[in-house]
Amino acid sequence: YSMEEKDATWYSKREMHRVRYEMIVSVRLLNNQRLATLIDSRGLEGMTQAGWESRNRHKRLVRNAVFVTQEEQRLNGHFDEDATRIASETVTMLPKVLSSENGTYDCQQALNVYKEDNVLMALLNRVQ
């Protein structure tokens, strides 16, 4: 790729600073319950106070499930790596499903934008 092609493709430092600033403003709005409904929070959930707390709470749940399973195994004198794995997988199942659903939704939205762009381009080509 030529330098012109690279410059046209990648964000400049100024553009990156702008994106970062907008993200910070968005996260601050999301942390304010009264203003959170004004913006689309998709993709920024984990950066809010509530999202951070939820993620940490879930990580503790997974660790606790594993520790309880390991303690039971220690007391019984029988160690079962599969049981430990299953304890972790069971607790993480719901977030995985929700994440997959969000990914599917995001993919569909991206495809819709792509289709709209192609329709628009086809219409523009007909006019010219």
N, C-alpha and C. Protein backbone atom coordinates (compact mmCIF):
# COMPACT_ATOMS: atom_id res chain seq x y z
N TYR A 1 0.83 -1.19 0.00
CA TYR A 1 0.00 0.00 0.00
C TYR A 1 0.87 1.25 0.00
N SER A 2 0.40 2.25 -0.72
CA SER A 2 1.13 3.51 -0.74
C SER A 2 0.80 4.30 0.54
N MET A 3 1.58 5.32 0.81
CA MET A 3 1.33 6.16 1.98
C MET A 3 -0.03 6.84 1.88
N GLU A 4 -0.42 7.23 0.67
CA GLU A 4 -1.72 7.87 0.48
C GLU A 4 -2.85 6.90 0.83
N GLU A 5 -2.70 5.64 0.40
CA GLU A 5 -3.71 4.63 0.71
C GLU A 5 -3.78 4.37 2.22
N LYS A 6 -2.63 4.29 2.85
CA LYS A 6 -2.60 4.08 4.30
C LYS A 6 -3.24 5.26 5.02
N ASP A 7 -2.90 6.46 4.61
CA ASP A 7 -3.47 7.65 5.25
C ASP A 7 -4.98 7.71 5.08
N ALA A 8 -5.46 7.26 3.93
CA ALA A 8 -6.90 7.27 3.68
C ALA A 8 -7.62 6.18 4.47
N THR A 9 -6.91 5.13 4.84
CA THR A 9 -7.52 3.99 5.52
C THR A 9 -7.50 4.12 7.03
N TRP A 10 -6.38 4.55 7.59
CA TRP A 10 -6.20 4.56 9.05
C TRP A 10 -6.60 5.90 9.63
N TYR A 11 -7.04 5.86 10.89
CA TYR A 11 -7.34 7.09 11.61
C TYR A 11 -6.05 7.87 11.85
N SER A 12 -6.16 9.18 11.76
CA SER A 12 -5.02 10.02 12.11
C SER A 12 -4.97 10.14 13.64
N LYS A 13 -3.87 10.69 14.15
CA LYS A 13 -3.78 10.88 15.61
C LYS A 13 -4.89 11.80 16.09
N ARG A 14 -5.17 12.81 15.32
CA ARG A 14 -6.24 13.75 15.69
C ARG A 14 -7.59 13.04 15.75
N GLU A 15 -7.86 12.20 14.75
CA GLU A 15 -9.12 11.45 14.74
C GLU A 15 -9.19 10.48 15.92
N MET A 16 -8.08 9.83 16.26
CA MET A 16 -8.05 8.91 17.39
C MET A 16 -8.30 9.65 18.70
N HIS A 17 -7.73 10.83 18.85
CA HIS A 17 -7.98 11.63 20.05
C HIS A 17 -9.46 12.00 20.14
N ARG A 18 -10.05 12.33 19.01
CA ARG A 18 -11.48 12.69 18.98
C ARG A 18 -12.33 11.48 19.38
N VAL A 19 -12.04 10.31 18.85
CA VAL A 19 -12.79 9.10 19.19
C VAL A 19 -12.66 8.81 20.68
N ARG A 20 -11.44 8.91 21.20
CA ARG A 20 -11.21 8.67 22.63
C ARG A 20 -11.98 9.67 23.49
N TYR A 21 -11.96 10.92 23.10
CA TYR A 21 -12.69 11.95 23.84
C TYR A 21 -14.19 11.65 23.84
N GLU A 22 -14.73 11.30 22.68
CA GLU A 22 -16.15 10.98 22.59
C GLU A 22 -16.51 9.76 23.44
N MET A 23 -15.61 8.78 23.49
CA MET A 23 -15.85 7.61 24.32
C MET A 23 -15.88 7.99 25.80
N ILE A 24 -14.95 8.82 26.22
CA ILE A 24 -14.90 9.26 27.62
C ILE A 24 -16.18 10.02 27.98
N VAL A 25 -16.61 10.91 27.10
CA VAL A 25 -17.85 11.66 27.34
C VAL A 25 -19.03 10.69 27.42
N SER A 26 -19.08 9.72 26.52
CA SER A 26 -20.16 8.74 26.51
C SER A 26 -20.20 7.94 27.81
N VAL A 27 -19.05 7.50 28.28
CA VAL A 27 -18.99 6.73 29.52
C VAL A 27 -19.45 7.59 30.68
N ARG A 28 -19.06 8.83 30.70
CA ARG A 28 -19.51 9.73 31.78
C ARG A 28 -21.02 9.90 31.74
N LEU A 29 -21.58 10.02 30.54
CA LEU A 29 -23.04 10.12 30.41
C LEU A 29 -23.71 8.83 30.89
N LEU A 30 -23.12 7.70 30.53
CA LEU A 30 -23.70 6.42 30.94
C LEU A 30 -23.68 6.24 32.45
N ASN A 31 -22.67 6.76 33.09
CA ASN A 31 -22.59 6.66 34.55
C ASN A 31 -23.61 7.56 35.24
N ASN A 32 -24.16 8.52 34.52
CA ASN A 32 -25.20 9.40 35.05
C ASN A 32 -26.54 8.81 34.63
N GLN A 33 -27.27 8.24 35.57
CA GLN A 33 -28.52 7.54 35.26
C GLN A 33 -29.52 8.41 34.50
N ARG A 34 -29.60 9.69 34.80
CA ARG A 34 -30.56 10.56 34.13
C ARG A 34 -30.20 10.79 32.66
N LEU A 35 -28.91 10.77 32.35
CA LEU A 35 -28.47 11.07 30.99
C LEU A 35 -28.16 9.82 30.16
N ALA A 36 -28.14 8.65 30.80
CA ALA A 36 -27.73 7.43 30.12
C ALA A 36 -28.61 7.08 28.93
N THR A 37 -29.86 7.48 28.96
CA THR A 37 -30.77 7.14 27.86
C THR A 37 -30.54 7.99 26.62
N LEU A 38 -29.71 9.01 26.73
CA LEU A 38 -29.48 9.91 25.59
C LEU A 38 -28.54 9.34 24.53
N ILE A 39 -27.77 8.31 24.88
CA ILE A 39 -26.79 7.79 23.93
C ILE A 39 -26.91 6.27 23.82
N ASP A 40 -26.34 5.74 22.77
CA ASP A 40 -26.28 4.30 22.56
C ASP A 40 -25.04 3.78 23.28
N SER A 41 -25.25 2.88 24.22
CA SER A 41 -24.13 2.41 25.05
C SER A 41 -23.49 1.14 24.52
N ARG A 42 -23.93 0.65 23.39
CA ARG A 42 -23.44 -0.62 22.87
C ARG A 42 -21.92 -0.60 22.73
N GLY A 43 -21.29 -1.56 23.39
CA GLY A 43 -19.84 -1.68 23.33
C GLY A 43 -19.12 -0.97 24.46
N LEU A 44 -19.84 -0.12 25.19
CA LEU A 44 -19.21 0.62 26.28
C LEU A 44 -19.69 0.15 27.65
N GLU A 45 -20.52 -0.89 27.68
CA GLU A 45 -21.12 -1.34 28.93
C GLU A 45 -20.07 -1.63 30.00
N GLY A 46 -18.99 -2.29 29.62
CA GLY A 46 -17.97 -2.68 30.58
C GLY A 46 -17.16 -1.53 31.12
N MET A 47 -17.27 -0.36 30.50
CA MET A 47 -16.49 0.79 30.94
C MET A 47 -17.23 1.65 31.95
N THR A 48 -18.53 1.38 32.13
CA THR A 48 -19.30 2.14 33.11
C THR A 48 -19.08 1.54 34.49
N GLN A 49 -19.45 2.29 35.51
CA GLN A 49 -19.32 1.80 36.88
C GLN A 49 -20.17 0.53 37.07
N ALA A 50 -21.41 0.57 36.58
CA ALA A 50 -22.29 -0.59 36.73
C ALA A 50 -21.75 -1.78 35.95
N GLY A 51 -21.23 -1.55 34.76
CA GLY A 51 -20.68 -2.64 33.96
C GLY A 51 -19.44 -3.24 34.59
N TRP A 52 -18.59 -2.37 35.13
CA TRP A 52 -17.38 -2.83 35.81
C TRP A 52 -17.73 -3.66 37.02
N GLU A 53 -18.71 -3.19 37.81
CA GLU A 53 -19.14 -3.93 39.00
C GLU A 53 -19.74 -5.27 38.61
N SER A 54 -20.54 -5.29 37.56
CA SER A 54 -21.15 -6.54 37.10
C SER A 54 -20.09 -7.55 36.67
N ARG A 55 -19.11 -7.07 35.92
CA ARG A 55 -18.03 -7.96 35.46
C ARG A 55 -17.25 -8.53 36.63
N ASN A 56 -16.90 -7.67 37.59
CA ASN A 56 -16.16 -8.14 38.75
C ASN A 56 -16.99 -9.10 39.61
N ARG A 57 -18.27 -8.81 39.75
CA ARG A 57 -19.16 -9.70 40.51
C ARG A 57 -19.20 -11.08 39.85
N HIS A 58 -19.30 -11.08 38.54
CA HIS A 58 -19.36 -12.36 37.83
C HIS A 58 -18.04 -13.12 37.94
N LYS A 59 -16.93 -12.42 37.87
CA LYS A 59 -15.63 -13.08 38.03
C LYS A 59 -15.52 -13.72 39.41
N ARG A 60 -16.04 -13.03 40.44
CA ARG A 60 -16.03 -13.60 41.79
C ARG A 60 -16.89 -14.86 41.86
N LEU A 61 -18.04 -14.84 41.19
CA LEU A 61 -18.92 -16.01 41.17
C LEU A 61 -18.22 -17.22 40.55
N VAL A 62 -17.50 -16.99 39.47
CA VAL A 62 -16.78 -18.08 38.81
C VAL A 62 -15.69 -18.61 39.73
N ARG A 63 -14.91 -17.72 40.32
CA ARG A 63 -13.85 -18.16 41.24
C ARG A 63 -14.44 -18.93 42.41
N ASN A 64 -15.53 -18.42 42.98
CA ASN A 64 -16.15 -19.11 44.11
C ASN A 64 -16.64 -20.51 43.73
N ALA A 65 -17.24 -20.64 42.55
CA ALA A 65 -17.71 -21.95 42.10
C ALA A 65 -16.54 -22.92 41.98
N VAL A 66 -15.43 -22.45 41.43
CA VAL A 66 -14.24 -23.30 41.29
C VAL A 66 -13.66 -23.64 42.66
N PHE A 67 -13.55 -22.65 43.54
CA PHE A 67 -12.98 -22.89 44.87
C PHE A 67 -13.83 -23.86 45.68
N VAL A 68 -15.14 -23.73 45.62
CA VAL A 68 -16.03 -24.65 46.34
C VAL A 68 -15.85 -26.06 45.82
N THR A 69 -15.80 -26.21 44.51
CA THR A 69 -15.61 -27.53 43.90
C THR A 69 -14.26 -28.12 44.32
N GLN A 70 -13.23 -27.31 44.27
CA GLN A 70 -11.91 -27.79 44.67
C GLN A 70 -11.86 -28.17 46.15
N GLU A 71 -12.53 -27.39 47.00
CA GLU A 71 -12.56 -27.69 48.43
C GLU A 71 -13.29 -29.01 48.69
N GLU A 72 -14.42 -29.21 48.00
CA GLU A 72 -15.16 -30.47 48.13
C GLU A 72 -14.27 -31.64 47.70
N GLN A 73 -13.55 -31.46 46.62
CA GLN A 73 -12.66 -32.53 46.14
C GLN A 73 -11.54 -32.79 47.14
N ARG A 74 -11.01 -31.72 47.73
CA ARG A 74 -9.94 -31.90 48.71
C ARG A 74 -10.46 -32.67 49.92
N LEU A 75 -11.65 -32.32 50.40
CA LEU A 75 -12.22 -33.01 51.56
C LEU A 75 -12.52 -34.47 51.27
N ASN A 76 -12.93 -34.75 50.03
CA ASN A 76 -13.25 -36.13 49.64
C ASN A 76 -12.01 -36.92 49.23
N GLY A 77 -10.90 -36.23 49.03
CA GLY A 77 -9.68 -36.91 48.60
C GLY A 77 -9.75 -37.38 47.16
N HIS A 78 -10.67 -36.83 46.39
CA HIS A 78 -10.84 -37.21 44.99
C HIS A 78 -10.79 -35.94 44.14
N PHE A 79 -9.78 -35.84 43.28
CA PHE A 79 -9.61 -34.65 42.45
C PHE A 79 -10.09 -34.93 41.04
N ASP A 80 -10.97 -34.07 40.56
CA ASP A 80 -11.60 -34.26 39.26
C ASP A 80 -11.55 -32.93 38.49
N GLU A 81 -10.63 -32.86 37.54
CA GLU A 81 -10.46 -31.63 36.76
C GLU A 81 -11.72 -31.32 35.95
N ASP A 82 -12.40 -32.35 35.48
CA ASP A 82 -13.63 -32.13 34.71
C ASP A 82 -14.71 -31.46 35.56
N ALA A 83 -14.83 -31.87 36.82
CA ALA A 83 -15.82 -31.26 37.71
C ALA A 83 -15.50 -29.78 37.92
N THR A 84 -14.24 -29.45 38.05
CA THR A 84 -13.82 -28.06 38.22
C THR A 84 -14.14 -27.26 36.95
N ARG A 85 -13.85 -27.84 35.81
CA ARG A 85 -14.16 -27.18 34.52
C ARG A 85 -15.66 -26.97 34.38
N ILE A 86 -16.44 -27.98 34.73
CA ILE A 86 -17.89 -27.89 34.60
C ILE A 86 -18.45 -26.81 35.54
N ALA A 87 -17.89 -26.71 36.75
CA ALA A 87 -18.34 -25.67 37.68
C ALA A 87 -18.13 -24.29 37.07
N SER A 88 -16.97 -24.08 36.46
CA SER A 88 -16.68 -22.80 35.83
C SER A 88 -17.58 -22.57 34.62
N GLU A 89 -17.74 -23.57 33.78
CA GLU A 89 -18.55 -23.43 32.57
C GLU A 89 -20.01 -23.16 32.90
N THR A 90 -20.51 -23.78 33.96
CA THR A 90 -21.91 -23.60 34.34
C THR A 90 -22.18 -22.15 34.72
N VAL A 91 -21.28 -21.56 35.48
CA VAL A 91 -21.47 -20.18 35.92
C VAL A 91 -21.30 -19.21 34.76
N THR A 92 -20.49 -19.54 33.78
CA THR A 92 -20.24 -18.63 32.66
C THR A 92 -21.19 -18.84 31.48
N MET A 93 -22.10 -19.80 31.59
CA MET A 93 -22.97 -20.12 30.46
C MET A 93 -23.87 -18.95 30.05
N LEU A 94 -24.55 -18.31 31.01
CA LEU A 94 -25.45 -17.21 30.67
C LEU A 94 -24.72 -16.05 30.00
N PRO A 95 -23.60 -15.57 30.55
CA PRO A 95 -22.90 -14.48 29.85
C PRO A 95 -22.46 -14.87 28.45
N LYS A 96 -22.09 -16.12 28.24
CA LYS A 96 -21.69 -16.56 26.90
C LYS A 96 -22.87 -16.49 25.94
N VAL A 97 -24.03 -16.93 26.41
CA VAL A 97 -25.23 -16.89 25.56
C VAL A 97 -25.59 -15.45 25.23
N LEU A 98 -25.58 -14.59 26.24
CA LEU A 98 -25.90 -13.18 26.02
C LEU A 98 -24.89 -12.53 25.07
N SER A 99 -23.63 -12.85 25.24
CA SER A 99 -22.59 -12.31 24.36
C SER A 99 -22.80 -12.78 22.93
N SER A 100 -23.14 -14.03 22.77
CA SER A 100 -23.39 -14.57 21.43
C SER A 100 -24.59 -13.88 20.78
N GLU A 101 -25.64 -13.68 21.58
CA GLU A 101 -26.82 -12.99 21.05
C GLU A 101 -26.47 -11.56 20.64
N ASN A 102 -25.69 -10.87 21.47
CA ASN A 102 -25.27 -9.50 21.12
C ASN A 102 -24.44 -9.50 19.84
N GLY A 103 -23.54 -10.47 19.71
CA GLY A 103 -22.73 -10.57 18.50
C GLY A 103 -23.56 -10.81 17.26
N THR A 104 -24.55 -11.67 17.38
CA THR A 104 -25.45 -11.95 16.26
C THR A 104 -26.22 -10.69 15.87
N TYR A 105 -26.70 -9.96 16.88
CA TYR A 105 -27.42 -8.70 16.62
C TYR A 105 -26.50 -7.69 15.93
N ASP A 106 -25.29 -7.54 16.44
CA ASP A 106 -24.33 -6.60 15.84
C ASP A 106 -24.02 -6.97 14.40
N CYS A 107 -23.86 -8.26 14.15
CA CYS A 107 -23.58 -8.73 12.79
C CYS A 107 -24.74 -8.38 11.86
N GLN A 108 -25.96 -8.60 12.33
CA GLN A 108 -27.14 -8.28 11.51
C GLN A 108 -27.21 -6.78 11.22
N GLN A 109 -26.91 -5.97 12.23
CA GLN A 109 -26.91 -4.52 12.02
C GLN A 109 -25.86 -4.12 10.98
N ALA A 110 -24.67 -4.72 11.08
CA ALA A 110 -23.61 -4.41 10.11
C ALA A 110 -24.02 -4.83 8.70
N LEU A 111 -24.65 -5.99 8.59
CA LEU A 111 -25.11 -6.45 7.27
C LEU A 111 -26.17 -5.51 6.71
N ASN A 112 -27.05 -5.02 7.58
CA ASN A 112 -28.09 -4.08 7.12
C ASN A 112 -27.46 -2.79 6.60
N VAL A 113 -26.45 -2.29 7.31
CA VAL A 113 -25.76 -1.07 6.85
C VAL A 113 -25.09 -1.35 5.51
N TYR A 114 -24.45 -2.51 5.41
CA TYR A 114 -23.77 -2.88 4.16
C TYR A 114 -24.78 -2.95 3.01
N LYS A 115 -25.93 -3.57 3.25
CA LYS A 115 -26.95 -3.68 2.21
C LYS A 115 -27.47 -2.30 1.82
N GLU A 116 -27.71 -1.45 2.82
CA GLU A 116 -28.19 -0.10 2.55
C GLU A 116 -27.17 0.67 1.71
N ASP A 117 -25.90 0.52 2.04
CA ASP A 117 -24.85 1.19 1.26
C ASP A 117 -24.84 0.68 -0.17
N ASN A 118 -24.99 -0.63 -0.36
CA ASN A 118 -25.00 -1.19 -1.71
C ASN A 118 -26.21 -0.72 -2.50
N VAL A 119 -27.36 -0.65 -1.85
CA VAL A 119 -28.57 -0.15 -2.52
C VAL A 119 -28.38 1.30 -2.92
N LEU A 120 -27.82 2.09 -2.00
CA LEU A 120 -27.58 3.50 -2.28
C LEU A 120 -26.60 3.66 -3.44
N MET A 121 -25.54 2.87 -3.44
CA MET A 121 -24.56 2.94 -4.54
C MET A 121 -25.21 2.55 -5.87
N ALA A 122 -26.05 1.53 -5.86
CA ALA A 122 -26.73 1.10 -7.08
C ALA A 122 -27.65 2.22 -7.59
N LEU A 123 -28.36 2.87 -6.69
CA LEU A 123 -29.23 3.98 -7.09
C LEU A 123 -28.42 5.15 -7.66
N LEU A 124 -27.32 5.47 -7.00
CA LEU A 124 -26.47 6.55 -7.47
C LEU A 124 -25.91 6.23 -8.86
N ASN A 125 -25.53 4.99 -9.08
CA ASN A 125 -24.99 4.59 -10.38
C ASN A 125 -26.05 4.70 -11.48
N ARG A 126 -27.32 4.42 -11.14
CA ARG A 126 -28.39 4.54 -12.12
C ARG A 126 -28.63 5.99 -12.50
N VAL A 127 -28.52 6.89 -11.51
CA VAL A 127 -28.77 8.31 -11.76
C VAL A 127 -27.70 8.89 -12.66
N GLN A 128 -26.47 8.44 -12.48
CA GLN A 128 -25.36 8.99 -13.26
C GLN A 128 -25.40 8.41 -14.61
